[in-house]
């Protein structure tokens, strides 16, 4: 049964898949939760929280002139954004931020001499 009205009659986007890959994730250290540099709690009622796993996002896109294919589109709740898993031609796998209008199976390439493909924004 659904626990709330918001989860009733929910539809899952057909583009979203969730497959975990351990090499593409890292844990975030919690150093600022009410503790000083010595680790002593100085602010009350600020500790705890659940451990967050972040995806390693390729912001630099330094795979130049190598074609890659979008394999999955996933939602990352810690960043509040969608990310894409890319399989490059040389066998490397990386996450990038999801470009608007990209779907599973599209081919992407990064480089200085590559033509820019632009689509109309959602109106």
N, C-alpha and C. Protein backbone atom coordinates (compact mmCIF):
# COMPACT_ATOMS: atom_id res chain seq x y z
N UNK A 1 0.83 -1.18 0.00
CA UNK A 1 0.00 0.00 0.00
C UNK A 1 0.88 1.25 0.00
N UNK A 2 0.31 2.32 -0.53
CA UNK A 2 1.05 3.58 -0.51
C UNK A 2 0.87 4.23 0.85
N UNK A 3 1.92 4.88 1.31
CA UNK A 3 1.87 5.50 2.63
C UNK A 3 1.32 6.92 2.57
N UNK A 4 1.48 7.58 1.43
CA UNK A 4 0.98 8.95 1.31
C UNK A 4 0.23 9.10 0.00
N UNK A 5 -0.53 10.18 -0.13
CA UNK A 5 -1.27 10.44 -1.34
C UNK A 5 -0.34 10.77 -2.51
N UNK A 6 0.82 11.33 -2.21
CA UNK A 6 1.74 11.71 -3.27
C UNK A 6 2.38 10.53 -3.96
N UNK A 7 2.45 9.38 -3.31
CA UNK A 7 3.06 8.21 -3.93
C UNK A 7 2.04 7.34 -4.65
N UNK A 8 0.79 7.68 -4.57
CA UNK A 8 -0.24 6.90 -5.24
C UNK A 8 -0.31 7.29 -6.72
N UNK A 9 -0.52 6.31 -7.59
CA UNK A 9 -0.61 6.51 -9.04
C UNK A 9 0.64 7.16 -9.60
N UNK A 10 1.78 6.85 -9.05
CA UNK A 10 3.03 7.44 -9.53
C UNK A 10 3.55 6.71 -10.75
N UNK A 11 4.10 7.47 -11.67
CA UNK A 11 4.69 6.90 -12.88
C UNK A 11 6.19 7.12 -12.84
N UNK A 12 6.94 6.13 -13.28
CA UNK A 12 8.39 6.23 -13.33
C UNK A 12 8.80 6.59 -14.74
N UNK A 13 9.70 7.56 -14.87
CA UNK A 13 10.16 7.98 -16.18
C UNK A 13 10.89 6.83 -16.85
N UNK A 14 10.60 6.59 -18.13
CA UNK A 14 11.20 5.45 -18.82
C UNK A 14 12.67 5.67 -19.10
N UNK A 15 13.16 6.91 -18.99
CA UNK A 15 14.56 7.18 -19.25
C UNK A 15 15.44 6.94 -18.04
N UNK A 16 14.85 6.79 -16.87
CA UNK A 16 15.62 6.74 -15.64
C UNK A 16 15.88 5.29 -15.27
N UNK A 17 17.15 4.97 -15.10
CA UNK A 17 17.55 3.66 -14.62
C UNK A 17 18.49 3.87 -13.45
N UNK A 18 18.62 2.88 -12.61
CA UNK A 18 19.50 3.01 -11.46
C UNK A 18 20.36 1.76 -11.36
N UNK A 19 21.63 1.91 -11.67
CA UNK A 19 22.60 0.83 -11.56
C UNK A 19 23.78 1.40 -10.78
N UNK A 20 24.15 0.78 -9.68
CA UNK A 20 25.23 1.30 -8.87
C UNK A 20 26.57 0.80 -9.40
N UNK A 21 27.55 1.68 -9.45
CA UNK A 21 28.91 1.36 -9.82
C UNK A 21 29.82 1.92 -8.74
N UNK A 22 30.50 1.03 -8.02
CA UNK A 22 31.21 1.45 -6.82
C UNK A 22 32.39 2.37 -7.11
N UNK A 23 33.04 2.24 -8.27
CA UNK A 23 34.20 3.08 -8.55
C UNK A 23 33.81 4.51 -8.88
N UNK A 24 32.56 4.75 -9.19
CA UNK A 24 32.12 6.09 -9.57
C UNK A 24 31.42 6.82 -8.43
N UNK A 25 31.53 6.30 -7.19
CA UNK A 25 30.92 6.94 -6.04
C UNK A 25 31.97 7.19 -4.97
N UNK A 26 31.75 8.19 -4.16
CA UNK A 26 32.62 8.45 -3.02
C UNK A 26 31.79 8.98 -1.88
N UNK A 27 32.29 8.81 -0.65
CA UNK A 27 31.60 9.28 0.54
C UNK A 27 32.04 10.67 0.90
N UNK A 28 31.12 11.42 1.44
CA UNK A 28 31.41 12.79 1.84
C UNK A 28 31.71 12.83 3.33
N UNK A 29 32.84 13.44 3.72
CA UNK A 29 33.18 13.56 5.13
C UNK A 29 32.32 14.64 5.78
N UNK A 30 31.94 14.39 7.00
CA UNK A 30 31.10 15.34 7.72
C UNK A 30 31.94 16.03 8.79
N UNK A 31 32.65 17.09 8.39
CA UNK A 31 33.54 17.75 9.34
C UNK A 31 32.91 18.98 9.97
N UNK A 32 31.86 19.51 9.39
CA UNK A 32 31.35 20.78 9.87
C UNK A 32 30.06 20.69 10.65
N UNK A 33 29.73 19.54 11.18
CA UNK A 33 28.45 19.38 11.86
C UNK A 33 28.55 19.74 13.34
N UNK A 34 28.83 20.99 13.60
CA UNK A 34 28.84 21.47 14.97
C UNK A 34 30.13 21.23 15.72
N UNK A 35 31.19 20.80 15.02
CA UNK A 35 32.47 20.52 15.68
C UNK A 35 33.51 21.53 15.21
N UNK A 36 34.48 21.78 16.09
CA UNK A 36 35.58 22.66 15.71
C UNK A 36 36.72 21.83 15.13
N UNK A 37 37.91 22.43 14.97
CA UNK A 37 39.03 21.75 14.33
C UNK A 37 39.54 20.57 15.17
N UNK A 38 39.30 20.59 16.46
CA UNK A 38 39.75 19.50 17.33
C UNK A 38 38.72 18.38 17.42
N UNK A 39 37.55 18.56 16.81
CA UNK A 39 36.52 17.54 16.85
C UNK A 39 35.60 17.65 18.04
N UNK A 40 35.72 18.71 18.81
CA UNK A 40 34.89 18.90 19.99
C UNK A 40 33.59 19.60 19.58
N UNK A 41 32.48 19.10 20.06
CA UNK A 41 31.18 19.68 19.71
C UNK A 41 31.05 21.05 20.37
N UNK A 42 30.84 22.08 19.55
CA UNK A 42 30.71 23.45 20.06
C UNK A 42 29.32 24.01 19.81
N UNK A 43 28.56 23.44 18.91
CA UNK A 43 27.19 23.88 18.65
C UNK A 43 26.26 22.71 18.95
N UNK A 44 25.31 22.95 19.83
CA UNK A 44 24.42 21.86 20.22
C UNK A 44 23.37 21.58 19.16
N UNK A 45 22.86 20.37 19.17
CA UNK A 45 21.74 19.92 18.33
C UNK A 45 22.07 19.94 16.84
N UNK A 46 23.33 19.71 16.45
CA UNK A 46 23.67 19.77 15.04
C UNK A 46 24.36 18.51 14.55
N UNK A 47 24.44 17.48 15.31
CA UNK A 47 25.18 16.29 14.91
C UNK A 47 24.33 15.32 14.13
N UNK A 48 24.96 14.19 13.76
CA UNK A 48 24.25 13.09 13.12
C UNK A 48 24.01 13.30 11.65
N UNK A 49 22.95 12.72 11.16
CA UNK A 49 22.63 12.77 9.74
C UNK A 49 23.05 11.48 9.06
N UNK A 50 22.47 11.21 7.93
CA UNK A 50 22.75 9.99 7.19
C UNK A 50 23.97 10.19 6.30
N UNK A 51 24.74 9.13 6.11
CA UNK A 51 25.92 9.20 5.26
C UNK A 51 25.49 9.38 3.80
N UNK A 52 26.11 10.34 3.11
CA UNK A 52 25.76 10.63 1.72
C UNK A 52 26.82 10.07 0.80
N UNK A 53 26.40 9.41 -0.27
CA UNK A 53 27.29 8.95 -1.32
C UNK A 53 27.08 9.84 -2.54
N UNK A 54 28.15 10.47 -3.01
CA UNK A 54 28.09 11.36 -4.15
C UNK A 54 28.69 10.66 -5.37
N UNK A 55 28.20 10.98 -6.53
CA UNK A 55 28.75 10.45 -7.77
C UNK A 55 29.90 11.33 -8.22
N UNK A 56 30.91 10.71 -8.81
CA UNK A 56 32.03 11.47 -9.36
C UNK A 56 31.60 12.01 -10.72
N UNK A 57 31.39 13.31 -10.79
CA UNK A 57 30.92 13.95 -12.00
C UNK A 57 32.12 14.50 -12.77
N UNK A 58 32.15 14.25 -14.07
CA UNK A 58 33.22 14.76 -14.93
C UNK A 58 32.84 16.15 -15.40
N UNK A 59 33.23 17.17 -14.62
CA UNK A 59 32.92 18.55 -14.99
C UNK A 59 33.88 19.07 -16.05
N UNK A 60 35.08 18.54 -16.10
CA UNK A 60 36.08 19.04 -17.04
C UNK A 60 35.86 18.54 -18.46
N UNK A 61 35.26 17.37 -18.60
CA UNK A 61 35.01 16.76 -19.91
C UNK A 61 36.30 16.71 -20.73
N UNK A 62 37.36 16.18 -20.14
CA UNK A 62 38.67 16.18 -20.80
C UNK A 62 38.91 14.96 -21.68
N UNK A 63 37.88 14.18 -21.99
CA UNK A 63 37.97 13.14 -23.02
C UNK A 63 37.72 13.83 -24.36
N UNK A 64 38.77 14.35 -24.99
CA UNK A 64 38.61 15.16 -26.20
C UNK A 64 38.52 14.28 -27.43
N UNK A 65 37.56 14.59 -28.29
CA UNK A 65 37.38 13.95 -29.59
C UNK A 65 37.19 12.45 -29.50
N UNK A 66 36.64 11.96 -28.41
CA UNK A 66 36.31 10.55 -28.26
C UNK A 66 34.81 10.46 -28.08
N UNK A 67 34.17 9.68 -28.92
CA UNK A 67 32.72 9.56 -28.88
C UNK A 67 32.29 8.69 -27.71
N UNK A 68 31.18 9.07 -27.11
CA UNK A 68 30.61 8.32 -26.00
C UNK A 68 29.11 8.17 -26.17
N UNK A 69 28.56 7.13 -25.58
CA UNK A 69 27.13 6.85 -25.69
C UNK A 69 26.49 6.94 -24.31
N UNK A 70 25.32 7.56 -24.24
CA UNK A 70 24.58 7.67 -22.99
C UNK A 70 23.95 6.31 -22.71
N UNK A 71 24.29 5.73 -21.56
CA UNK A 71 23.79 4.41 -21.19
C UNK A 71 22.61 4.53 -20.23
N UNK A 72 22.75 5.34 -19.18
CA UNK A 72 21.66 5.51 -18.23
C UNK A 72 21.50 6.98 -17.90
N UNK A 73 20.31 7.32 -17.47
CA UNK A 73 20.00 8.64 -16.92
C UNK A 73 19.46 8.40 -15.53
N UNK A 74 20.14 8.95 -14.52
CA UNK A 74 19.79 8.68 -13.13
C UNK A 74 19.56 10.00 -12.41
N UNK A 75 18.83 9.91 -11.34
CA UNK A 75 18.59 11.08 -10.48
C UNK A 75 19.48 10.96 -9.26
N UNK A 76 20.22 12.01 -8.96
CA UNK A 76 21.04 12.01 -7.76
C UNK A 76 20.42 12.95 -6.73
N UNK A 77 19.87 12.39 -5.67
CA UNK A 77 19.14 13.23 -4.71
C UNK A 77 20.03 14.18 -3.93
N UNK A 78 21.31 13.85 -3.73
CA UNK A 78 22.17 14.73 -2.95
C UNK A 78 22.52 16.01 -3.71
N UNK A 79 22.52 15.96 -5.04
CA UNK A 79 22.79 17.13 -5.85
C UNK A 79 21.52 17.78 -6.38
N UNK A 80 20.39 17.08 -6.27
CA UNK A 80 19.11 17.55 -6.79
C UNK A 80 19.21 17.78 -8.30
N UNK A 81 19.79 16.79 -9.00
CA UNK A 81 19.99 16.92 -10.44
C UNK A 81 20.00 15.53 -11.08
N UNK A 82 19.80 15.51 -12.40
CA UNK A 82 19.91 14.28 -13.17
C UNK A 82 21.33 14.17 -13.72
N UNK A 83 21.84 12.95 -13.77
CA UNK A 83 23.17 12.68 -14.29
C UNK A 83 23.08 11.57 -15.31
N UNK A 84 24.06 11.51 -16.23
CA UNK A 84 24.11 10.50 -17.29
C UNK A 84 25.38 9.69 -17.13
N UNK A 85 25.27 8.40 -17.33
CA UNK A 85 26.45 7.55 -17.40
C UNK A 85 26.85 7.42 -18.86
N UNK A 86 28.13 7.74 -19.15
CA UNK A 86 28.65 7.73 -20.51
C UNK A 86 29.67 6.61 -20.64
N UNK A 87 29.53 5.79 -21.69
CA UNK A 87 30.53 4.80 -22.06
C UNK A 87 31.28 5.37 -23.25
N UNK A 88 32.57 5.68 -23.06
CA UNK A 88 33.38 6.22 -24.14
C UNK A 88 33.93 5.09 -25.01
N UNK A 89 34.42 5.45 -26.19
CA UNK A 89 34.93 4.47 -27.14
C UNK A 89 36.17 3.75 -26.66
N UNK A 90 36.95 4.38 -25.76
CA UNK A 90 38.15 3.73 -25.25
C UNK A 90 37.88 2.85 -24.03
N UNK A 91 36.60 2.67 -23.68
CA UNK A 91 36.23 1.77 -22.59
C UNK A 91 36.04 2.44 -21.24
N UNK A 92 36.23 3.74 -21.16
CA UNK A 92 36.09 4.44 -19.88
C UNK A 92 34.63 4.79 -19.64
N UNK A 93 34.25 4.81 -18.35
CA UNK A 93 32.90 5.17 -17.94
C UNK A 93 32.97 6.38 -17.04
N UNK A 94 32.12 7.37 -17.31
CA UNK A 94 32.08 8.58 -16.49
C UNK A 94 30.65 9.08 -16.39
N UNK A 95 30.41 9.84 -15.31
CA UNK A 95 29.14 10.54 -15.14
C UNK A 95 29.30 11.99 -15.59
N UNK A 96 28.27 12.52 -16.25
CA UNK A 96 28.21 13.94 -16.56
C UNK A 96 26.83 14.43 -16.14
N UNK A 97 26.67 15.75 -16.05
CA UNK A 97 25.35 16.30 -15.81
C UNK A 97 24.49 16.09 -17.04
N UNK A 98 23.22 15.85 -16.84
CA UNK A 98 22.33 15.49 -17.94
C UNK A 98 22.06 16.70 -18.82
N UNK A 99 22.45 16.64 -20.10
CA UNK A 99 22.11 17.74 -21.01
C UNK A 99 20.62 17.71 -21.35
N UNK A 100 20.02 18.88 -21.44
CA UNK A 100 18.59 18.95 -21.72
C UNK A 100 18.31 18.39 -23.12
N UNK A 101 17.35 17.50 -23.21
CA UNK A 101 16.98 16.92 -24.48
C UNK A 101 17.71 15.65 -24.84
N UNK A 102 18.72 15.26 -24.07
CA UNK A 102 19.46 14.03 -24.37
C UNK A 102 18.69 12.83 -23.85
N UNK A 103 18.69 11.74 -24.62
CA UNK A 103 18.01 10.52 -24.23
C UNK A 103 19.00 9.37 -24.27
N UNK A 104 18.58 8.22 -23.75
CA UNK A 104 19.44 7.04 -23.72
C UNK A 104 19.72 6.60 -25.16
N UNK A 105 21.00 6.34 -25.44
CA UNK A 105 21.41 5.92 -26.77
C UNK A 105 22.00 7.03 -27.60
N UNK A 106 21.90 8.28 -27.16
CA UNK A 106 22.51 9.39 -27.90
C UNK A 106 24.02 9.31 -27.83
N UNK A 107 24.68 9.83 -28.85
CA UNK A 107 26.13 9.88 -28.91
C UNK A 107 26.57 11.30 -28.63
N UNK A 108 27.58 11.46 -27.76
CA UNK A 108 28.10 12.78 -27.44
C UNK A 108 29.60 12.77 -27.69
N UNK A 109 30.15 13.96 -27.88
CA UNK A 109 31.59 14.12 -28.06
C UNK A 109 31.96 15.50 -27.54
N UNK A 110 33.15 15.61 -26.92
CA UNK A 110 33.66 16.88 -26.42
C UNK A 110 34.94 17.22 -27.17
N UNK A 111 35.12 18.50 -27.44
CA UNK A 111 36.33 18.94 -28.11
C UNK A 111 36.21 20.39 -28.53
N UNK A 112 37.34 20.95 -29.02
CA UNK A 112 37.35 22.36 -29.41
C UNK A 112 36.83 22.55 -30.83
N UNK A 113 36.94 21.55 -31.67
CA UNK A 113 36.53 21.67 -33.07
C UNK A 113 35.19 21.00 -33.36
N UNK A 114 34.43 20.66 -32.30
CA UNK A 114 33.17 19.95 -32.46
C UNK A 114 32.04 20.97 -32.59
N UNK A 115 31.13 20.73 -33.53
CA UNK A 115 29.99 21.63 -33.70
C UNK A 115 29.05 21.52 -32.51
N UNK A 116 28.45 22.63 -32.13
CA UNK A 116 27.56 22.67 -30.98
C UNK A 116 26.15 22.32 -31.45
N UNK A 117 25.57 21.33 -30.82
CA UNK A 117 24.19 20.96 -31.12
C UNK A 117 23.30 21.62 -30.08
N UNK A 118 22.41 22.48 -30.52
CA UNK A 118 21.55 23.21 -29.60
C UNK A 118 20.11 22.91 -29.94
N UNK A 119 19.30 22.68 -28.91
CA UNK A 119 17.88 22.43 -29.10
C UNK A 119 17.09 23.53 -28.43
N UNK A 120 15.86 23.70 -28.89
CA UNK A 120 15.00 24.72 -28.31
C UNK A 120 14.72 24.41 -26.85
N UNK A 121 14.80 25.39 -25.98
CA UNK A 121 14.46 25.14 -24.57
C UNK A 121 12.96 24.91 -24.41
N UNK A 122 12.62 24.29 -23.30
CA UNK A 122 11.21 24.03 -23.03
C UNK A 122 10.49 25.34 -22.78
N UNK A 123 9.37 25.50 -23.41
CA UNK A 123 8.60 26.75 -23.24
C UNK A 123 7.38 26.51 -22.40
